[in-house]
């Protein structure tokens, strides 16, 4: 099963390719000197900061809402599991 970061990375890469941009060009537009950060995002090895996601939506021309919903859904599930785990092991 793919992680949320991997799914987001795939969507970002697809949007970049559709826009006809290289990782270097995207990095430059983000104000970065190296494309490594873009590579890490696309490979799912790094989380996308929300501010950067907003910038990428403009640079790559995609609607951020589906990706935001994916991130928020994953976060909600993660917190729900933490909550349930807390109910099973109360501290006295």
PDB file of N, CA and C in Angstrom:
ATOM      1  N   UNK A   1       0.844  -1.188   0.000  1.00  0.00           N
ATOM      2  CA  UNK A   1       0.000   0.000   0.000  1.00  0.00           C
ATOM      3  C   UNK A   1       0.890   1.253   0.000  1.00  0.00           C
ATOM      4  N   UNK A   2       0.546   2.199  -0.827  1.00  0.00           N
ATOM      5  CA  UNK A   2       1.324   3.434  -0.933  1.00  0.00           C
ATOM      6  C   UNK A   2       1.015   4.355   0.238  1.00  0.00           C
ATOM      7  N   UNK A   3       2.036   5.094   0.645  1.00  0.00           N
ATOM      8  CA  UNK A   3       1.839   6.095   1.690  1.00  0.00           C
ATOM      9  C   UNK A   3       1.180   7.330   1.087  1.00  0.00           C
ATOM     10  N   UNK A   4       0.669   8.167   1.953  1.00  0.00           N
ATOM     11  CA  UNK A   4       0.073   9.430   1.493  1.00  0.00           C
ATOM     12  C   UNK A   4       1.103  10.253   0.741  1.00  0.00           C
ATOM     13  N   UNK A   5       2.333  10.293   1.267  1.00  0.00           N
ATOM     14  CA  UNK A   5       3.383  11.070   0.598  1.00  0.00           C
ATOM     15  C   UNK A   5       3.675  10.544  -0.797  1.00  0.00           C
ATOM     16  N   UNK A   6       3.643   9.220  -0.973  1.00  0.00           N
ATOM     17  CA  UNK A   6       3.890   8.632  -2.294  1.00  0.00           C
ATOM     18  C   UNK A   6       2.778   8.993  -3.271  1.00  0.00           C
ATOM     19  N   UNK A   7       1.536   8.940  -2.810  1.00  0.00           N
ATOM     20  CA  UNK A   7       0.399   9.285  -3.678  1.00  0.00           C
ATOM     21  C   UNK A   7       0.474  10.755  -4.084  1.00  0.00           C
ATOM     22  N   UNK A   8       0.771  11.612  -3.123  1.00  0.00           N
ATOM     23  CA  UNK A   8       0.900  13.045  -3.419  1.00  0.00           C
ATOM     24  C   UNK A   8       2.056  13.278  -4.390  1.00  0.00           C
ATOM     25  N   UNK A   9       3.171  12.597  -4.145  1.00  0.00           N
ATOM     26  CA  UNK A   9       4.328  12.733  -5.032  1.00  0.00           C
ATOM     27  C   UNK A   9       4.003  12.350  -6.461  1.00  0.00           C
ATOM     28  N   UNK A  10       3.259  11.274  -6.621  1.00  0.00           N
ATOM     29  CA  UNK A  10       2.862  10.847  -7.976  1.00  0.00           C
ATOM     30  C   UNK A  10       1.994  11.902  -8.645  1.00  0.00           C
ATOM     31  N   UNK A  11       1.087  12.492  -7.876  1.00  0.00           N
ATOM     32  CA  UNK A  11       0.211  13.536  -8.430  1.00  0.00           C
ATOM     33  C   UNK A  11       1.018  14.776  -8.814  1.00  0.00           C
ATOM     34  N   UNK A  12       1.989  15.133  -7.976  1.00  0.00           N
ATOM     35  CA  UNK A  12       2.833  16.291  -8.290  1.00  0.00           C
ATOM     36  C   UNK A  12       3.670  16.038  -9.541  1.00  0.00           C
ATOM     37  N   UNK A  13       4.221  14.840  -9.649  1.00  0.00           N
ATOM     38  CA  UNK A  13       5.035  14.522 -10.824  1.00  0.00           C
ATOM     39  C   UNK A  13       4.188  14.555 -12.095  1.00  0.00           C
ATOM     40  N   UNK A  14       2.986  13.978 -12.023  1.00  0.00           N
ATOM     41  CA  UNK A  14       2.095  13.984 -13.186  1.00  0.00           C
ATOM     42  C   UNK A  14       1.748  15.419 -13.591  1.00  0.00           C
ATOM     43  N   UNK A  15       1.488  16.275 -12.594  1.00  0.00           N
ATOM     44  CA  UNK A  15       1.163  17.678 -12.892  1.00  0.00           C
ATOM     45  C   UNK A  15       2.364  18.395 -13.498  1.00  0.00           C
ATOM     46  N   UNK A  16       3.556  18.090 -12.987  1.00  0.00           N
ATOM     47  CA  UNK A  16       4.772  18.713 -13.530  1.00  0.00           C
ATOM     48  C   UNK A  16       4.995  18.311 -14.974  1.00  0.00           C
ATOM     49  N   UNK A  17       4.851  17.017 -15.251  1.00  0.00           N
ATOM     50  CA  UNK A  17       5.034  16.532 -16.623  1.00  0.00           C
ATOM     51  C   UNK A  17       3.981  17.119 -17.562  1.00  0.00           C
ATOM     52  N   UNK A  18       2.753  17.214 -17.082  1.00  0.00           N
ATOM     53  CA  UNK A  18       1.676  17.803 -17.888  1.00  0.00           C
ATOM     54  C   UNK A  18       1.978  19.267 -18.204  1.00  0.00           C
ATOM     55  N   UNK A  19       2.606  19.952 -17.237  1.00  0.00           N
ATOM     56  CA  UNK A  19       2.969  21.360 -17.441  1.00  0.00           C
ATOM     57  C   UNK A  19       4.220  21.508 -18.299  1.00  0.00           C
ATOM     58  N   UNK A  20       4.895  20.391 -18.585  1.00  0.00           N
ATOM     59  CA  UNK A  20       6.084  20.429 -19.422  1.00  0.00           C
ATOM     60  C   UNK A  20       7.299  21.025 -18.739  1.00  0.00           C
ATOM     61  N   UNK A  21       7.388  20.845 -17.432  1.00  0.00           N
ATOM     62  CA  UNK A  21       8.496  21.416 -16.672  1.00  0.00           C
ATOM     63  C   UNK A  21       9.424  20.323 -16.148  1.00  0.00           C
ATOM     64  N   UNK A  22      10.683  20.680 -15.974  1.00  0.00           N
ATOM     65  CA  UNK A  22      11.640  19.773 -15.350  1.00  0.00           C
ATOM     66  C   UNK A  22      11.640  20.029 -13.845  1.00  0.00           C
ATOM     67  N   UNK A  23      12.235  19.112 -13.099  1.00  0.00           N
ATOM     68  CA  UNK A  23      12.365  19.321 -11.657  1.00  0.00           C
ATOM     69  C   UNK A  23      13.190  20.575 -11.372  1.00  0.00           C
ATOM     70  N   UNK A  24      14.202  20.812 -12.179  1.00  0.00           N
ATOM     71  CA  UNK A  24      15.041  21.998 -12.008  1.00  0.00           C
ATOM     72  C   UNK A  24      14.231  23.274 -12.207  1.00  0.00           C
ATOM     73  N   UNK A  25      13.378  23.294 -13.223  1.00  0.00           N
ATOM     74  CA  UNK A  25      12.549  24.476 -13.482  1.00  0.00           C
ATOM     75  C   UNK A  25      11.577  24.730 -12.328  1.00  0.00           C
ATOM     76  N   UNK A  26      10.997  23.667 -11.799  1.00  0.00           N
ATOM     77  CA  UNK A  26      10.073  23.818 -10.662  1.00  0.00           C
ATOM     78  C   UNK A  26      10.836  24.340  -9.453  1.00  0.00           C
ATOM     79  N   UNK A  27      12.004  23.762  -9.196  1.00  0.00           N
ATOM     80  CA  UNK A  27      12.821  24.207  -8.063  1.00  0.00           C
ATOM     81  C   UNK A  27      13.162  25.688  -8.191  1.00  0.00           C
ATOM     82  N   UNK A  28      13.549  26.110  -9.373  1.00  0.00           N
ATOM     83  CA  UNK A  28      13.893  27.513  -9.603  1.00  0.00           C
ATOM     84  C   UNK A  28      12.693  28.408  -9.307  1.00  0.00           C
ATOM     85  N   UNK A  29      11.511  28.006  -9.746  1.00  0.00           N
ATOM     86  CA  UNK A  29      10.303  28.807  -9.510  1.00  0.00           C
ATOM     87  C   UNK A  29       9.925  28.836  -8.025  1.00  0.00           C
ATOM     88  N   UNK A  30      10.349  27.807  -7.294  1.00  0.00           N
ATOM     89  CA  UNK A  30      10.130  27.792  -5.846  1.00  0.00           C
ATOM     90  C   UNK A  30      11.203  28.595  -5.109  1.00  0.00           C
ATOM     91  N   UNK A  31      12.220  29.069  -5.848  1.00  0.00           N
ATOM     92  CA  UNK A  31      13.296  29.835  -5.248  1.00  0.00           C
ATOM     93  C   UNK A  31      14.408  28.968  -4.680  1.00  0.00           C
ATOM     94  N   UNK A  32      14.505  27.738  -5.168  1.00  0.00           N
ATOM     95  CA  UNK A  32      15.525  26.810  -4.693  1.00  0.00           C
ATOM     96  C   UNK A  32      16.663  26.709  -5.696  1.00  0.00           C
ATOM     97  N   UNK A  33      17.852  26.413  -5.211  1.00  0.00           N
ATOM     98  CA  UNK A  33      19.003  26.312  -6.103  1.00  0.00           C
ATOM     99  C   UNK A  33      19.234  24.893  -6.618  1.00  0.00           C
ATOM    100  N   UNK A  34      18.536  23.927  -6.040  1.00  0.00           N
ATOM    101  CA  UNK A  34      18.715  22.526  -6.427  1.00  0.00           C
ATOM    102  C   UNK A  34      17.356  21.854  -6.586  1.00  0.00           C
ATOM    103  N   UNK A  35      17.244  20.918  -7.514  1.00  0.00           N
ATOM    104  CA  UNK A  35      15.980  20.206  -7.701  1.00  0.00           C
ATOM    105  C   UNK A  35      15.774  19.059  -6.699  1.00  0.00           C
ATOM    106  N   UNK A  36      16.701  18.864  -5.756  1.00  0.00           N
ATOM    107  CA  UNK A  36      16.620  17.738  -4.834  1.00  0.00           C
ATOM    108  C   UNK A  36      15.308  17.721  -4.043  1.00  0.00           C
ATOM    109  N   UNK A  37      14.855  18.879  -3.569  1.00  0.00           N
ATOM    110  CA  UNK A  37      13.615  18.938  -2.804  1.00  0.00           C
ATOM    111  C   UNK A  37      12.435  18.474  -3.643  1.00  0.00           C
ATOM    112  N   UNK A  38      12.394  18.904  -4.904  1.00  0.00           N
ATOM    113  CA  UNK A  38      11.315  18.486  -5.806  1.00  0.00           C
ATOM    114  C   UNK A  38      11.378  16.977  -6.010  1.00  0.00           C
ATOM    115  N   UNK A  39      12.572  16.450  -6.175  1.00  0.00           N
ATOM    116  CA  UNK A  39      12.745  14.999  -6.319  1.00  0.00           C
ATOM    117  C   UNK A  39      12.227  14.266  -5.082  1.00  0.00           C
ATOM    118  N   UNK A  40      12.563  14.759  -3.897  1.00  0.00           N
ATOM    119  CA  UNK A  40      12.121  14.117  -2.661  1.00  0.00           C
ATOM    120  C   UNK A  40      10.598  14.151  -2.519  1.00  0.00           C
ATOM    121  N   UNK A  41       9.991  15.249  -2.936  1.00  0.00           N
ATOM    122  CA  UNK A  41       8.525  15.339  -2.897  1.00  0.00           C
ATOM    123  C   UNK A  41       7.900  14.336  -3.855  1.00  0.00           C
ATOM    124  N   UNK A  42       8.402  14.311  -5.079  1.00  0.00           N
ATOM    125  CA  UNK A  42       7.829  13.433  -6.100  1.00  0.00           C
ATOM    126  C   UNK A  42       8.021  11.956  -5.783  1.00  0.00           C
ATOM    127  N   UNK A  43       9.092  11.635  -5.083  1.00  0.00           N
ATOM    128  CA  UNK A  43       9.351  10.230  -4.740  1.00  0.00           C
ATOM    129  C   UNK A  43       8.624   9.812  -3.468  1.00  0.00           C
ATOM    130  N   UNK A  44       7.970  10.762  -2.804  1.00  0.00           N
ATOM    131  CA  UNK A  44       7.242  10.453  -1.582  1.00  0.00           C
ATOM    132  C   UNK A  44       8.128  10.334  -0.360  1.00  0.00           C
ATOM    133  N   UNK A  45       9.371  10.763  -0.470  1.00  0.00           N
ATOM    134  CA  UNK A  45      10.316  10.663   0.638  1.00  0.00           C
ATOM    135  C   UNK A  45      10.264  11.877   1.569  1.00  0.00           C
ATOM    136  N   UNK A  46       9.488  12.877   1.188  1.00  0.00           N
ATOM    137  CA  UNK A  46       9.365  14.077   2.007  1.00  0.00           C
ATOM    138  C   UNK A  46       7.913  14.533   2.002  1.00  0.00           C
ATOM    139  N   UNK A  47       7.473  15.060   3.127  1.00  0.00           N
ATOM    140  CA  UNK A  47       6.127  15.633   3.201  1.00  0.00           C
ATOM    141  C   UNK A  47       6.126  16.977   2.482  1.00  0.00           C
ATOM    142  N   UNK A  48       4.988  17.309   1.912  1.00  0.00           N
ATOM    143  CA  UNK A  48       4.856  18.595   1.230  1.00  0.00           C
ATOM    144  C   UNK A  48       4.325  19.615   2.232  1.00  0.00           C
ATOM    145  N   UNK A  49       5.116  20.631   2.564  1.00  0.00           N
ATOM    146  CA  UNK A  49       4.590  21.684   3.436  1.00  0.00           C
ATOM    147  C   UNK A  49       3.393  22.364   2.758  1.00  0.00           C
ATOM    148  N   UNK A  50       2.403  22.738   3.535  1.00  0.00           N
ATOM    149  CA  UNK A  50       1.190  23.331   2.960  1.00  0.00           C
ATOM    150  C   UNK A  50       1.499  24.586   2.152  1.00  0.00           C
ATOM    151  N   UNK A  51       2.424  25.415   2.622  1.00  0.00           N
ATOM    152  CA  UNK A  51       2.789  26.625   1.877  1.00  0.00           C
ATOM    153  C   UNK A  51       3.356  26.252   0.511  1.00  0.00           C
ATOM    154  N   UNK A  52       4.212  25.236   0.491  1.00  0.00           N
ATOM    155  CA  UNK A  52       4.798  24.779  -0.765  1.00  0.00           C
ATOM    156  C   UNK A  52       3.734  24.191  -1.677  1.00  0.00           C
ATOM    157  N   UNK A  53       2.775  23.482  -1.106  1.00  0.00           N
ATOM    158  CA  UNK A  53       1.683  22.915  -1.904  1.00  0.00           C
ATOM    159  C   UNK A  53       0.911  24.028  -2.604  1.00  0.00           C
ATOM    160  N   UNK A  54       0.688  25.119  -1.891  1.00  0.00           N
ATOM    161  CA  UNK A  54       0.015  26.264  -2.497  1.00  0.00           C
ATOM    162  C   UNK A  54       0.813  26.855  -3.644  1.00  0.00           C
ATOM    163  N   UNK A  55       2.122  26.974  -3.445  1.00  0.00           N
ATOM    164  CA  UNK A  55       2.993  27.484  -4.510  1.00  0.00           C
ATOM    165  C   UNK A  55       2.982  26.539  -5.709  1.00  0.00           C
ATOM    166  N   UNK A  56       3.062  25.234  -5.435  1.00  0.00           N
ATOM    167  CA  UNK A  56       3.076  24.255  -6.533  1.00  0.00           C
ATOM    168  C   UNK A  56       1.766  24.253  -7.307  1.00  0.00           C
ATOM    169  N   UNK A  57       0.656  24.494  -6.621  1.00  0.00           N
ATOM    170  CA  UNK A  57      -0.623  24.518  -7.338  1.00  0.00           C
ATOM    171  C   UNK A  57      -0.642  25.632  -8.374  1.00  0.00           C
ATOM    172  N   UNK A  58       0.026  26.739  -8.066  1.00  0.00           N
ATOM    173  CA  UNK A  58       0.111  27.851  -9.028  1.00  0.00           C
ATOM    174  C   UNK A  58       1.123  27.528 -10.128  1.00  0.00           C
ATOM    175  N   UNK A  59       2.307  27.061  -9.731  1.00  0.00           N
ATOM    176  CA  UNK A  59       3.371  26.764 -10.694  1.00  0.00           C
ATOM    177  C   UNK A  59       2.942  25.671 -11.676  1.00  0.00           C
ATOM    178  N   UNK A  60       2.310  24.626 -11.159  1.00  0.00           N
ATOM    179  CA  UNK A  60       1.954  23.476 -11.992  1.00  0.00           C
ATOM    180  C   UNK A  60       0.529  23.546 -12.537  1.00  0.00           C
ATOM    181  N   UNK A  61      -0.254  24.482 -12.048  1.00  0.00           N
ATOM    182  CA  UNK A  61      -1.599  24.690 -12.573  1.00  0.00           C
ATOM    183  C   UNK A  61      -2.585  23.583 -12.226  1.00  0.00           C
ATOM    184  N   UNK A  62      -2.604  23.157 -10.962  1.00  0.00           N
ATOM    185  CA  UNK A  62      -3.582  22.144 -10.562  1.00  0.00           C
ATOM    186  C   UNK A  62      -4.394  22.652  -9.381  1.00  0.00           C
ATOM    187  N   UNK A  63      -5.550  22.035  -9.188  1.00  0.00           N
ATOM    188  CA  UNK A  63      -6.397  22.377  -8.047  1.00  0.00           C
ATOM    189  C   UNK A  63      -5.873  21.624  -6.826  1.00  0.00           C
ATOM    190  N   UNK A  64      -5.640  22.350  -5.762  1.00  0.00           N
ATOM    191  CA  UNK A  64      -5.059  21.755  -4.560  1.00  0.00           C
ATOM    192  C   UNK A  64      -6.083  20.997  -3.719  1.00  0.00           C
ATOM    193  N   UNK A  65      -7.361  21.239  -3.926  1.00  0.00           N
ATOM    194  CA  UNK A  65      -8.401  20.652  -3.072  1.00  0.00           C
ATOM    195  C   UNK A  65      -8.323  19.126  -2.958  1.00  0.00           C
ATOM    196  N   UNK A  66      -8.174  18.379  -4.060  1.00  0.00           N
ATOM    197  CA  UNK A  66      -8.087  16.916  -3.919  1.00  0.00           C
ATOM    198  C   UNK A  66      -6.884  16.462  -3.078  1.00  0.00           C
ATOM    199  N   UNK A  67      -5.761  17.127  -3.225  1.00  0.00           N
ATOM    200  CA  UNK A  67      -4.581  16.752  -2.445  1.00  0.00           C
ATOM    201  C   UNK A  67      -4.755  17.157  -0.986  1.00  0.00           C
ATOM    202  N   UNK A  68      -5.351  18.316  -0.751  1.00  0.00           N
ATOM    203  CA  UNK A  68      -5.616  18.729   0.631  1.00  0.00           C
ATOM    204  C   UNK A  68      -6.545  17.728   1.308  1.00  0.00           C
ATOM    205  N   UNK A  69      -7.576  17.292   0.603  1.00  0.00           N
ATOM    206  CA  UNK A  69      -8.499  16.315   1.174  1.00  0.00           C
ATOM    207  C   UNK A  69      -7.793  15.005   1.498  1.00  0.00           C
ATOM    208  N   UNK A  70      -6.880  14.583   0.638  1.00  0.00           N
ATOM    209  CA  UNK A  70      -6.107  13.376   0.881  1.00  0.00           C
ATOM    210  C   UNK A  70      -5.259  13.521   2.147  1.00  0.00           C
ATOM    211  N   UNK A  71      -4.566  14.641   2.271  1.00  0.00           N
ATOM    212  CA  UNK A  71      -3.714  14.885   3.434  1.00  0.00           C
ATOM    213  C   UNK A  71      -4.554  14.945   4.710  1.00  0.00           C
ATOM    214  N   UNK A  72      -5.632  15.692   4.676  1.00  0.00           N
ATOM    215  CA  UNK A  72      -6.464  15.846   5.865  1.00  0.00           C
ATOM    216  C   UNK A  72      -7.147  14.533   6.251  1.00  0.00           C
ATOM    217  N   UNK A  73      -7.537  13.747   5.264  1.00  0.00           N
ATOM    218  CA  UNK A  73      -8.135  12.437   5.541  1.00  0.00           C
ATOM    219  C   UNK A  73      -7.142  11.510   6.218  1.00  0.00           C
ATOM    220  N   UNK A  74      -5.908  11.523   5.741  1.00  0.00           N
ATOM    221  CA  UNK A  74      -4.861  10.701   6.332  1.00  0.00           C
ATOM    222  C   UNK A  74      -4.583  11.153   7.759  1.00  0.00           C
ATOM    223  N   UNK A  75      -4.509  12.446   7.972  1.00  0.00           N
ATOM    224  CA  UNK A  75      -4.258  12.992   9.298  1.00  0.00           C
ATOM    225  C   UNK A  75      -5.379  12.601  10.263  1.00  0.00           C
ATOM    226  N   UNK A  76      -6.613  12.709   9.807  1.00  0.00           N
ATOM    227  CA  UNK A  76      -7.757  12.354  10.658  1.00  0.00           C
ATOM    228  C   UNK A  76      -7.702  10.881  11.051  1.00  0.00           C
ATOM    229  N   UNK A  77      -7.375  10.029  10.105  1.00  0.00           N
ATOM    230  CA  UNK A  77      -7.278   8.598  10.397  1.00  0.00           C
ATOM    231  C   UNK A  77      -6.160   8.326  11.400  1.00  0.00           C
ATOM    232  N   UNK A  78      -5.023   8.966  11.210  1.00  0.00           N
ATOM    233  CA  UNK A  78      -3.883   8.796  12.113  1.00  0.00           C
ATOM    234  C   UNK A  78      -4.249   9.223  13.537  1.00  0.00           C
ATOM    235  N   UNK A  79      -4.918  10.345  13.686  1.00  0.00           N
ATOM    236  CA  UNK A  79      -5.305  10.850  15.005  1.00  0.00           C
ATOM    237  C   UNK A  79      -6.391   9.976  15.634  1.00  0.00           C
ATOM    238  N   UNK A  80      -7.269   9.435  14.823  1.00  0.00           N
ATOM    239  CA  UNK A  80      -8.306   8.533  15.324  1.00  0.00           C
ATOM    240  C   UNK A  80      -7.668   7.279  15.923  1.00  0.00           C
ATOM    241  N   UNK A  81      -6.651   6.742  15.238  1.00  0.00           N
ATOM    242  CA  UNK A  81      -5.946   5.563  15.743  1.00  0.00           C
ATOM    243  C   UNK A  81      -5.223   5.875  17.051  1.00  0.00           C
ATOM    244  N   UNK A  82      -4.601   7.041  17.140  1.00  0.00           N
ATOM    245  CA  UNK A  82      -3.940   7.448  18.379  1.00  0.00           C
ATOM    246  C   UNK A  82      -4.957   7.561  19.513  1.00  0.00           C
ATOM    247  N   UNK A  83      -6.113   8.105  19.226  1.00  0.00           N
ATOM    248  CA  UNK A  83      -7.169   8.265  20.217  1.00  0.00           C
ATOM    249  C   UNK A  83      -7.625   6.901  20.726  1.00  0.00           C
ATOM    250  N   UNK A  84      -7.873   5.984  19.809  1.00  0.00           N
ATOM    251  CA  UNK A  84      -8.312   4.633  20.182  1.00  0.00           C
ATOM    252  C   UNK A  84      -7.242   3.916  20.994  1.00  0.00           C
ATOM    253  N   UNK A  85      -5.967   4.083  20.640  1.00  0.00           N
ATOM    254  CA  UNK A  85      -4.875   3.471  21.391  1.00  0.00           C
ATOM    255  C   UNK A  85      -4.830   4.014  22.814  1.00  0.00           C
ATOM    256  N   UNK A  86      -5.138   5.271  22.980  1.00  0.00           N
ATOM    257  CA  UNK A  86      -5.165   5.890  24.308  1.00  0.00           C
ATOM    258  C   UNK A  86      -6.272   5.330  25.186  1.00  0.00           C
ATOM    259  N   UNK A  87      -7.380   4.951  24.583  1.00  0.00           N
ATOM    260  CA  UNK A  87      -8.483   4.375  25.341  1.00  0.00           C
ATOM    261  C   UNK A  87      -8.149   2.970  25.857  1.00  0.00           C
ATOM    262  N   UNK A  88      -7.222   2.299  25.187  1.00  0.00           N
ATOM    263  CA  UNK A  88      -6.878   0.941  25.560  1.00  0.00           C
ATOM    264  C   UNK A  88      -5.821   0.878  26.661  1.00  0.00           C
ATOM    265  N   UNK A  89      -5.087   1.945  26.845  1.00  0.00           N
ATOM    266  CA  UNK A  89      -4.018   1.906  27.841  1.00  0.00           C
ATOM    267  C   UNK A  89      -4.038   3.158  28.712  1.00  0.00           C
ATOM    268  N   UNK A  90      -5.061   3.248  29.575  1.00  0.00           N
ATOM    269  CA  UNK A  90      -5.154   4.447  30.438  1.00  0.00           C
ATOM    270  C   UNK A  90      -4.010   4.491  31.451  1.00  0.00           C
ATOM    271  N   UNK A  91      -3.593   5.703  31.719  1.00  0.00           N
ATOM    272  CA  UNK A  91      -2.517   5.903  32.700  1.00  0.00           C
ATOM    273  C   UNK A  91      -3.162   6.314  34.028  1.00  0.00           C
ATOM    274  N   UNK A  92      -2.658   5.758  35.073  1.00  0.00           N
ATOM    275  CA  UNK A  92      -3.251   6.034  36.374  1.00  0.00           C
ATOM    276  C   UNK A  92      -2.380   6.816  37.178  1.00  0.00           C
TER     277      UNK A  92
END
